Amino acid sequence: MTNDNLSVISLVSIGEHPTSRRPRRAEQDARAIELGIKLVGENLQTLHAGELPDDANQQTALRSYLGMGLAEMNLLEMPAQADAVLVIAEHLKQQNPDVILTGVRAESGESSGMLPYLLAEHLGMAMVTSIADILSVDEANQQAEVLQALPRGQRRKLIVDLPFVASVDMAAAMPRQSAFGPAMRGLLDTAVAGDFADEEASTWQTSNAKKRPKRLKIIKAKTAADRFKAATAKASGGGGKVVHGVEESAQAILDLLVEEGLV
């Protein structure tokens, strides 16, 4: 399915592997590109906002999107303190796209998942969350039929008016592998973005995250004796033991609290 007259822009970011923390292409962003290629083929436009990374691994991760079959990527250079929403929104107003694809949330940075919502608000577009596919586009009536991913594997068809912003879920089609040669030969079309300072973020105070205590399993017990028994007894089949005496019971409770990381 290709729509030659349809303008589709996919926003991409530098991802981060959850275990090694090494830079990579973001899983959801790659799925968004795969969906965009399905819609418009090589006419898909890609956009990354940020500074061109000096780190070779980050550059390779960014270029890996080009290795999916794209000739070029638009790069909006902006300071780290700039408001990405305002920078991207200003650029998209000039491009006037029909469909804007993003991931649900970034794999690094603030990773709040608010970017597509704020973009839709600034651009006055409809926002569709967690889509798995765009089934069809009726350019005559300026409408698209999308497939939205719901919990527990459910799906829902929606009709949305063009233009719109859509966040692409992990339920979307797997992205193709990135070819290293085309990725390195692809063009990064760099433009200097406007200076939109993020005044709200400038007032934030950041600190290292603290390890949170684990939650105890909720026990539905009617009496204090039942709650005490549930707290001191091990799960069935887990090698539980019978506790006798007050001191032994208290020690069992203390051991449980230590095991759960509460003390």
Protein backbone atom coordinates (compact mmCIF):
# COMPACT_ATOMS: atom_id res chain seq x y z
CA MET A 1 0.00 0.00 0.00
CA THR A 2 1.55 3.29 -1.12
CA ASN A 3 0.05 6.77 -1.22
CA ASP A 4 2.24 8.97 -3.41
CA ASN A 5 0.39 12.20 -2.54
CA LEU A 6 0.47 11.54 1.21
CA SER A 7 2.99 13.44 3.33
CA VAL A 8 4.28 11.33 6.23
CA ILE A 9 6.98 12.35 8.72
CA SER A 10 8.42 9.96 11.29
CA LEU A 11 10.19 11.35 14.36
CA VAL A 12 13.19 9.35 15.55
CA SER A 13 15.46 9.42 18.57
CA ILE A 14 18.59 7.64 19.74
CA GLY A 15 17.52 4.59 21.73
CA GLU A 16 19.24 2.83 24.59
CA HIS A 17 19.57 -0.91 25.21
CA PRO A 18 17.86 -1.69 28.54
CA THR A 19 20.68 -3.96 29.76
CA SER A 20 23.94 -2.72 28.25
CA ARG A 21 22.84 0.96 28.00
CA ARG A 22 24.55 1.12 24.62
CA PRO A 23 23.05 3.46 22.00
CA ARG A 24 20.80 1.79 19.42
CA ARG A 25 17.85 2.60 17.17
CA ALA A 26 14.74 2.90 19.35
CA GLU A 27 12.43 -0.10 18.95
CA GLN A 28 9.21 1.89 18.65
CA ASP A 29 10.75 4.53 16.38
CA ALA A 30 11.99 1.77 14.06
CA ARG A 31 8.46 0.34 13.94
CA ALA A 32 7.15 3.81 13.10
CA ILE A 33 9.57 4.01 10.17
CA GLU A 34 8.54 0.54 9.01
CA LEU A 35 4.92 1.67 9.05
CA GLY A 36 5.81 4.88 7.21
CA ILE A 37 7.66 2.97 4.49
CA LYS A 38 4.60 0.76 4.09
CA LEU A 39 2.48 3.88 3.55
CA VAL A 40 4.61 6.01 1.24
CA GLY A 41 7.75 4.01 0.45
CA GLU A 42 10.87 6.08 -0.15
CA ASN A 43 8.85 9.30 0.17
CA LEU A 44 8.86 8.91 3.95
CA GLN A 45 10.53 11.84 5.72
CA THR A 46 12.40 11.34 8.98
CA LEU A 47 13.24 13.97 11.56
CA HIS A 48 15.58 14.00 14.54
CA ALA A 49 15.87 17.00 16.85
CA GLY A 50 19.02 17.44 18.90
CA GLU A 51 22.74 17.99 18.60
CA LEU A 52 24.69 15.86 16.15
CA PRO A 53 26.37 13.41 18.54
CA ASP A 54 30.16 13.30 18.71
CA ASP A 55 30.09 9.74 20.02
CA ALA A 56 30.61 7.22 17.20
CA ASN A 57 28.17 4.72 18.72
CA GLN A 58 25.43 7.35 18.90
CA GLN A 59 26.05 8.40 15.30
CA THR A 60 25.84 4.77 14.20
CA ALA A 61 22.58 4.35 16.13
CA LEU A 62 21.11 7.44 14.46
CA ARG A 63 22.25 6.35 11.02
CA SER A 64 20.79 2.88 11.49
CA TYR A 65 17.40 4.37 10.58
CA LEU A 66 18.85 5.31 7.18
CA GLY A 67 19.91 1.70 6.77
CA MET A 68 16.23 0.72 6.60
CA GLY A 69 16.05 2.05 3.04
CA LEU A 70 15.97 5.83 3.44
CA ALA A 71 18.17 8.19 1.44
CA GLU A 72 18.29 11.05 3.94
CA MET A 73 17.26 12.23 7.39
CA ASN A 74 16.47 15.76 8.52
CA LEU A 75 18.42 16.80 11.60
CA LEU A 76 17.31 19.85 13.58
CA GLU A 77 20.28 21.00 15.61
CA MET A 78 19.23 22.54 18.90
CA PRO A 79 20.90 23.15 22.27
CA ALA A 80 20.38 20.58 24.99
CA GLN A 81 18.42 23.17 27.04
CA ALA A 82 15.96 23.93 24.22
CA ASP A 83 12.32 22.87 24.28
CA ALA A 84 12.12 20.01 21.78
CA VAL A 85 8.33 20.31 21.48
CA LEU A 86 8.47 23.93 20.32
CA VAL A 87 11.42 23.28 18.00
CA ILE A 88 9.75 20.31 16.30
CA ALA A 89 6.34 21.99 16.17
CA GLU A 90 7.78 25.06 14.42
CA HIS A 91 9.44 22.86 11.81
CA LEU A 92 6.33 20.73 11.22
CA LYS A 93 4.16 23.82 10.71
CA GLN A 94 6.30 24.65 7.68
CA GLN A 95 6.16 21.08 6.34
CA ASN A 96 2.37 20.67 6.76
CA PRO A 97 2.40 16.82 6.92
CA ASP A 98 -0.69 14.60 6.73
CA VAL A 99 0.58 11.99 9.21
CA ILE A 100 3.18 12.35 11.98
CA LEU A 101 4.48 9.07 13.44
CA THR A 102 6.33 8.76 16.74
CA GLY A 103 7.15 6.09 19.28
CA VAL A 104 5.08 5.87 22.44
CA ARG A 105 8.02 7.09 24.55
CA ALA A 106 11.75 7.60 24.21
CA GLU A 107 14.21 5.05 25.56
CA SER A 108 16.43 7.71 27.16
CA GLY A 109 16.17 11.25 28.49
CA GLU A 110 12.96 12.32 30.21
CA SER A 111 11.02 9.50 28.52
CA SER A 112 7.71 10.98 29.68
CA GLY A 113 5.74 9.92 26.61
CA MET A 114 4.23 13.42 26.39
CA LEU A 115 5.89 14.55 23.14
CA PRO A 116 3.20 13.30 20.69
CA TYR A 117 0.42 14.74 22.86
CA LEU A 118 2.08 18.15 23.13
CA LEU A 119 2.85 18.20 19.41
CA ALA A 120 -0.76 17.40 18.56
CA GLU A 121 -1.89 20.21 20.87
CA HIS A 122 0.49 22.76 19.34
CA LEU A 123 -0.36 21.77 15.77
CA GLY A 124 -4.11 21.44 16.33
CA MET A 125 -4.15 17.82 15.12
CA ALA A 126 -5.91 14.69 16.30
CA MET A 127 -3.85 12.31 18.46
CA VAL A 128 -4.11 8.52 18.18
CA THR A 129 -2.22 6.48 20.76
CA SER A 130 -0.55 3.07 20.50
CA ILE A 131 -1.41 2.13 16.94
CA ALA A 132 -0.40 -1.20 15.44
CA ASP A 133 -1.14 -0.37 11.80
CA ILE A 134 -2.65 2.14 9.39
CA LEU A 135 -5.04 0.02 7.36
CA SER A 136 -6.04 2.52 4.68
CA VAL A 137 -6.00 6.21 3.80
CA ASP A 138 -8.88 7.88 1.96
CA GLU A 139 -7.25 10.99 0.53
CA ALA A 140 -10.50 12.14 -1.10
CA ASN A 141 -12.33 12.30 2.23
CA GLN A 142 -9.17 13.12 4.22
CA GLN A 143 -9.61 10.15 6.55
CA ALA A 144 -7.54 7.17 7.64
CA GLU A 145 -8.49 3.83 9.17
CA VAL A 146 -6.05 2.84 11.90
CA LEU A 147 -5.69 -0.25 14.06
CA GLN A 148 -5.15 0.59 17.72
CA ALA A 149 -3.43 -1.84 20.08
CA LEU A 150 -5.28 -2.49 23.34
CA PRO A 151 -4.26 -4.48 26.45
CA ARG A 152 -4.31 -8.30 26.36
CA GLY A 153 -3.76 -8.46 22.63
CA GLN A 154 -7.02 -6.78 21.68
CA ARG A 155 -7.30 -4.48 18.65
CA ARG A 156 -9.69 -1.68 17.74
CA LYS A 157 -10.33 -0.02 14.38
CA LEU A 158 -10.64 3.76 14.39
CA ILE A 159 -11.46 6.33 11.72
CA VAL A 160 -9.41 9.51 12.16
CA ASP A 161 -9.38 12.72 10.15
CA LEU A 162 -6.21 13.90 8.44
CA PRO A 163 -3.88 15.36 9.53
CA PHE A 164 -3.10 13.48 12.76
CA VAL A 165 -0.31 12.44 15.11
CA ALA A 166 0.03 8.74 15.95
CA SER A 167 2.27 6.96 18.45
CA VAL A 168 3.33 3.50 17.26
CA ASP A 169 3.08 0.61 19.71
CA MET A 170 5.36 -2.42 20.05
CA ALA A 171 2.46 -4.42 18.59
CA ALA A 172 3.23 -2.91 15.18
CA ALA A 173 5.09 -4.91 12.53
CA MET A 174 8.71 -5.78 13.29
CA PRO A 175 11.13 -3.36 11.63
CA ARG A 176 13.45 -4.61 8.91
CA GLN A 177 17.13 -5.03 9.63
CA SER A 178 19.38 -2.05 9.08
CA ALA A 179 22.01 -2.37 6.36
CA PHE A 180 25.33 -0.87 7.46
CA GLY A 181 26.48 0.32 4.02
CA PRO A 182 23.37 2.36 3.12
CA ALA A 183 23.26 3.64 6.70
CA MET A 184 26.75 5.13 6.38
CA ARG A 185 26.07 6.50 2.88
CA GLY A 186 22.78 8.13 3.83
CA LEU A 187 22.59 11.92 4.03
CA LEU A 188 22.01 13.86 7.24
CA ASP A 189 20.40 17.12 6.14
CA THR A 190 21.27 19.47 9.00
CA ALA A 191 19.43 22.68 9.80
CA VAL A 192 19.80 25.01 12.77
CA ALA A 193 16.58 25.18 14.75
CA GLY A 194 15.13 28.24 16.40
CA ASP A 195 16.12 29.04 19.97
CA PHE A 196 13.18 27.97 22.12
CA ALA A 197 14.33 27.82 25.72
CA ASP A 198 12.65 25.29 27.99
CA GLU A 199 11.87 27.71 30.82
CA GLU A 200 9.99 25.14 32.88
CA ALA A 201 12.81 22.58 32.82
CA SER A 202 15.33 25.25 33.82
CA THR A 203 13.73 25.45 37.27
CA TRP A 204 13.88 21.69 37.93
CA GLN A 205 16.23 20.22 40.50
CA THR A 206 17.57 16.78 39.68
CA SER A 207 19.00 14.18 42.04
CA ASN A 208 20.03 10.56 41.88
CA ALA A 209 17.15 8.10 42.13
CA LYS A 210 16.85 6.18 45.38
CA LYS A 211 16.10 2.50 45.57
CA ARG A 212 12.49 2.04 46.52
CA PRO A 213 11.36 -0.67 48.95
CA LYS A 214 9.57 -3.63 47.45
CA ARG A 215 5.86 -3.91 47.98
CA LEU A 216 4.63 -6.81 50.06
CA LYS A 217 2.06 -9.09 48.52
CA ILE A 218 -1.42 -7.98 49.59
CA ILE A 219 -3.02 -10.58 51.81
CA LYS A 220 -6.78 -10.54 52.13
CA ALA A 221 -7.25 -11.67 55.72
CA LYS A 222 -10.17 -10.85 57.98
CA THR A 223 -8.52 -11.19 61.38
CA ALA A 224 -5.21 -10.19 62.90
CA ALA A 225 -4.37 -13.85 63.41
CA ASP A 226 -4.86 -14.54 59.70
CA ARG A 227 -2.65 -11.59 58.74
CA PHE A 228 0.06 -12.72 61.15
CA LYS A 229 -0.09 -16.22 59.76
CA ALA A 230 0.14 -14.95 56.20
CA ALA A 231 3.13 -12.74 57.04
CA THR A 232 5.14 -15.49 58.72
CA ALA A 233 4.26 -18.42 56.49
CA LYS A 234 6.07 -19.15 53.26
CA ALA A 235 4.25 -19.70 50.00
CA SER A 236 2.97 -23.21 49.41
CA GLY A 237 5.56 -25.48 47.88
CA GLY A 238 8.32 -23.08 48.86
CA GLY A 239 9.68 -25.05 51.82
CA GLY A 240 7.71 -23.28 54.55
CA LYS A 241 8.16 -24.00 58.23
CA VAL A 242 6.05 -24.04 61.34
CA VAL A 243 6.86 -21.21 63.76
CA HIS A 244 6.63 -21.77 67.53
CA GLY A 245 7.00 -19.15 70.24
CA VAL A 246 6.94 -15.36 70.30
CA GLU A 247 10.68 -14.84 69.76
CA GLU A 248 10.81 -17.23 66.82
CA SER A 249 7.77 -15.55 65.28
CA ALA A 250 9.32 -12.11 65.68
CA GLN A 251 12.54 -13.34 64.08
CA ALA A 252 10.56 -14.78 61.17
CA ILE A 253 8.85 -11.43 60.61
CA LEU A 254 12.19 -9.60 60.76
CA ASP A 255 13.74 -12.04 58.28
CA LEU A 256 10.82 -11.45 55.92
CA LEU A 257 11.21 -7.67 56.11
CA VAL A 258 14.94 -7.97 55.41
CA GLU A 259 14.27 -10.32 52.50
CA GLU A 260 11.79 -7.87 50.97
CA GLY A 261 14.22 -4.98 51.36
CA LEU A 262 12.05 -3.02 53.79
CA VAL A 263 14.63 -2.81 56.58
